[in-house]
N, C-alpha and C. Protein backbone atom coordinates (compact mmCIF):
# COMPACT_ATOMS: atom_id res chain seq x y z
N MET A 1 114.44 158.93 109.85
CA MET A 1 114.32 158.05 110.91
C MET A 1 113.15 158.74 112.34
N ARG A 2 113.86 159.70 112.67
CA ARG A 2 112.95 160.72 113.20
C ARG A 2 111.47 160.90 112.90
N CYS A 3 110.93 161.12 112.09
CA CYS A 3 110.42 161.84 111.22
C CYS A 3 109.26 160.30 111.45
N VAL A 4 109.82 159.26 110.94
CA VAL A 4 108.93 158.28 110.87
C VAL A 4 108.54 157.92 111.84
N LYS A 5 109.35 158.14 113.20
CA LYS A 5 108.69 157.68 114.63
C LYS A 5 107.81 158.51 115.14
N ILE A 6 107.99 159.78 114.42
CA ILE A 6 106.79 160.69 115.07
C ILE A 6 105.65 160.35 114.41
N ILE A 7 105.30 159.98 113.19
CA ILE A 7 104.76 159.65 112.68
C ILE A 7 103.89 158.45 112.73
N GLY A 8 104.66 157.68 113.35
CA GLY A 8 104.19 156.54 113.88
C GLY A 8 103.19 156.61 115.38
N ALA A 9 104.03 157.63 115.74
CA ALA A 9 103.76 157.88 117.21
C ALA A 9 102.14 158.79 117.15
N THR A 10 101.99 159.14 116.24
CA THR A 10 100.82 160.29 116.21
C THR A 10 99.48 159.64 115.81
N MET A 11 99.88 158.53 114.65
CA MET A 11 98.81 157.48 114.05
C MET A 11 98.46 156.81 115.20
N VAL A 12 99.45 156.14 116.13
CA VAL A 12 99.00 155.22 117.00
C VAL A 12 97.76 156.04 118.29
N LEU A 13 98.77 157.32 118.40
CA LEU A 13 97.90 158.17 119.10
C LEU A 13 96.52 158.53 118.62
N SER A 14 96.36 158.87 117.70
CA SER A 14 95.06 159.12 116.34
C SER A 14 93.87 158.02 116.65
N ILE A 15 94.50 156.65 116.62
CA ILE A 15 93.81 155.37 116.58
C ILE A 15 93.59 155.35 118.00
N ILE A 16 94.20 155.46 118.66
CA ILE A 16 93.72 155.29 119.92
C ILE A 16 92.13 156.58 120.44
N GLY A 17 92.41 157.31 119.95
CA GLY A 17 92.09 158.80 120.72
C GLY A 17 90.50 158.00 119.45
N VAL A 18 90.64 157.91 118.45
CA VAL A 18 89.39 157.24 117.87
C VAL A 18 88.53 155.82 118.58
N VAL A 19 89.45 155.29 118.82
CA VAL A 19 88.43 154.39 119.48
C VAL A 19 88.32 154.85 120.87
N LYS A 20 88.78 155.45 121.73
CA LYS A 20 87.86 155.99 122.57
C LYS A 20 86.51 156.97 122.27
N VAL A 21 86.67 157.66 121.35
CA VAL A 21 85.39 158.25 121.16
C VAL A 21 84.18 157.07 120.57
N VAL A 22 84.73 156.43 120.08
CA VAL A 22 83.51 155.50 119.48
C VAL A 22 83.04 154.63 120.96
N GLN A 23 83.87 154.15 121.52
CA GLN A 23 83.41 153.49 123.07
C GLN A 23 82.27 154.62 124.08
N ASP A 24 82.83 155.74 123.71
CA ASP A 24 82.04 156.88 124.30
C ASP A 24 80.57 157.09 123.80
N ALA A 25 80.49 157.35 122.06
CA ALA A 25 79.58 157.54 121.47
C ALA A 25 78.59 156.28 122.19
N CYS A 26 79.06 154.99 122.02
CA CYS A 26 78.18 153.68 122.20
C CYS A 26 77.55 153.74 123.79
N ALA A 27 78.42 154.34 124.53
CA ALA A 27 77.84 154.27 126.13
C ALA A 27 76.86 155.04 126.06
N LEU A 28 76.84 156.29 125.65
CA LEU A 28 75.93 157.65 125.21
C LEU A 28 74.52 157.09 124.79
N VAL A 29 74.84 156.24 123.79
CA VAL A 29 73.75 155.57 122.53
C VAL A 29 73.14 154.25 123.75
N VAL A 30 73.87 153.39 124.38
CA VAL A 30 73.27 152.88 125.68
C VAL A 30 72.26 153.59 126.75
N TYR A 31 73.06 154.58 127.23
CA TYR A 31 72.27 155.58 127.89
C TYR A 31 71.21 155.94 127.67
N ALA A 32 70.82 155.92 126.35
CA ALA A 32 69.85 157.07 125.52
C ALA A 32 68.75 156.36 125.55
N LEU A 33 68.98 154.85 125.03
CA LEU A 33 67.97 153.45 124.64
C LEU A 33 66.94 153.21 126.02
N VAL A 34 68.29 153.08 126.94
CA VAL A 34 67.87 152.79 128.44
C VAL A 34 67.05 153.71 129.39
N SER A 35 67.37 155.45 129.00
CA SER A 35 66.78 156.20 129.43
C SER A 35 65.78 156.69 129.38
N TYR A 36 65.51 157.03 127.96
CA TYR A 36 64.71 157.55 126.95
C TYR A 36 63.89 156.61 126.09
N GLY A 37 64.42 155.49 126.05
CA GLY A 37 64.10 154.76 125.18
C GLY A 37 62.98 153.01 125.63
N LYS A 38 63.72 153.43 126.97
CA LYS A 38 62.68 152.21 128.14
C LYS A 38 63.29 150.36 127.41
N TRP A 39 64.90 150.68 127.29
CA TRP A 39 65.00 149.25 126.57
C TRP A 39 66.11 148.62 127.80
N GLU A 40 65.90 147.90 127.66
CA GLU A 40 66.53 146.74 128.11
C GLU A 40 68.52 147.00 128.21
N ALA A 41 68.92 146.99 129.24
CA ALA A 41 70.43 147.89 129.53
C ALA A 41 70.56 146.11 128.49
N VAL A 42 70.98 144.94 128.49
CA VAL A 42 71.52 144.12 127.21
C VAL A 42 71.26 144.14 126.04
N GLU A 43 70.10 144.46 125.67
CA GLU A 43 69.26 144.76 124.41
C GLU A 43 69.93 145.76 123.55
N ALA A 44 70.13 147.33 124.95
CA ALA A 44 70.50 148.57 124.44
C ALA A 44 72.41 148.20 123.93
N ALA A 45 72.91 147.62 124.90
CA ALA A 45 74.35 147.40 124.61
C ALA A 45 74.64 146.84 123.34
N HIS A 46 73.40 145.85 123.30
CA HIS A 46 73.78 145.01 121.90
C HIS A 46 73.57 145.80 120.56
N ALA A 47 72.60 147.15 120.54
CA ALA A 47 72.43 147.54 119.30
C ALA A 47 73.16 148.73 119.38
N ALA A 48 73.76 148.96 120.09
CA ALA A 48 74.69 150.54 120.48
C ALA A 48 75.72 150.54 119.14
N PRO A 49 76.63 149.65 119.12
CA PRO A 49 77.32 149.51 117.91
C PRO A 49 76.84 149.58 116.60
N ALA A 50 75.24 149.35 116.38
CA ALA A 50 75.07 149.24 115.11
C ALA A 50 74.48 150.70 115.03
N VAL A 51 73.86 151.35 116.05
CA VAL A 51 72.84 152.80 115.85
C VAL A 51 74.39 153.55 115.80
N VAL A 52 75.25 153.56 116.12
CA VAL A 52 76.68 154.67 116.18
C VAL A 52 77.08 154.32 114.78
N PHE A 53 77.17 153.29 114.03
CA PHE A 53 77.64 153.02 112.64
C PHE A 53 76.62 153.93 111.65
N ALA A 54 75.54 153.25 112.02
CA ALA A 54 74.05 153.93 111.08
C ALA A 54 74.36 155.49 110.99
N LEU A 55 74.68 155.99 112.59
CA LEU A 55 74.63 157.09 112.16
C LEU A 55 75.94 157.96 111.86
N THR A 56 76.80 157.53 112.10
CA THR A 56 78.21 157.74 111.13
C THR A 56 78.21 157.46 109.36
N THR A 57 77.97 156.46 109.42
CA THR A 57 77.77 156.16 107.68
C THR A 57 76.84 157.48 107.39
N GLY A 58 75.83 157.79 107.76
CA GLY A 58 74.64 158.41 106.82
C GLY A 58 74.92 159.92 107.07
N LEU A 59 75.99 160.11 108.16
CA LEU A 59 76.62 161.66 108.31
C LEU A 59 77.70 161.79 106.96
N LEU A 60 78.28 160.60 107.33
CA LEU A 60 79.60 160.68 106.17
C LEU A 60 79.07 160.64 104.16
N ILE A 61 77.71 159.81 104.29
CA ILE A 61 77.37 160.35 102.98
C ILE A 61 76.97 161.41 102.84
N SER A 62 76.01 161.60 103.84
CA SER A 62 75.37 163.36 103.31
C SER A 62 76.51 164.52 103.01
N PHE A 63 77.92 164.52 104.23
CA PHE A 63 78.98 165.22 103.56
C PHE A 63 79.57 164.80 102.17
N TRP A 64 79.49 163.85 101.87
CA TRP A 64 80.08 163.18 100.34
C TRP A 64 79.37 164.13 99.08
N ILE A 65 77.63 163.85 99.62
CA ILE A 65 76.54 164.45 98.58
C ILE A 65 76.48 165.95 98.37
N SER A 66 76.93 166.43 99.73
CA SER A 66 76.76 168.20 99.57
C SER A 66 77.88 168.50 99.38
N CYS A 67 78.84 167.83 99.45
CA CYS A 67 80.54 168.94 98.59
C CYS A 67 80.34 168.92 97.27
N PRO A 68 79.82 167.89 96.37
CA PRO A 68 79.87 168.82 95.06
C PRO A 68 78.80 169.94 94.18
N ALA A 69 77.49 170.19 95.66
CA ALA A 69 76.55 171.29 95.56
C ALA A 69 77.22 172.63 95.80
N ASN A 70 78.66 172.83 96.66
CA ASN A 70 79.31 174.02 97.08
C ASN A 70 79.86 174.22 96.54
N GLU A 71 80.21 173.29 95.41
CA GLU A 71 81.37 173.51 94.16
C GLU A 71 80.84 174.77 93.22
């Protein structure tokens, strides 16, 4: 029973950490779009989650494609 509690607590903390990383990534994208792309802050805030999702998906797909090539 103790092991289940430890695993559950680790999972909860991991999920909290992932959410924080995604929030920070969105904030960084908003900053980059406003500073370097001359976007309005509201438009950048609406576009940031889509940009982070697209970058993450592209990175995962490239890792998935390149993995069999290394064997």
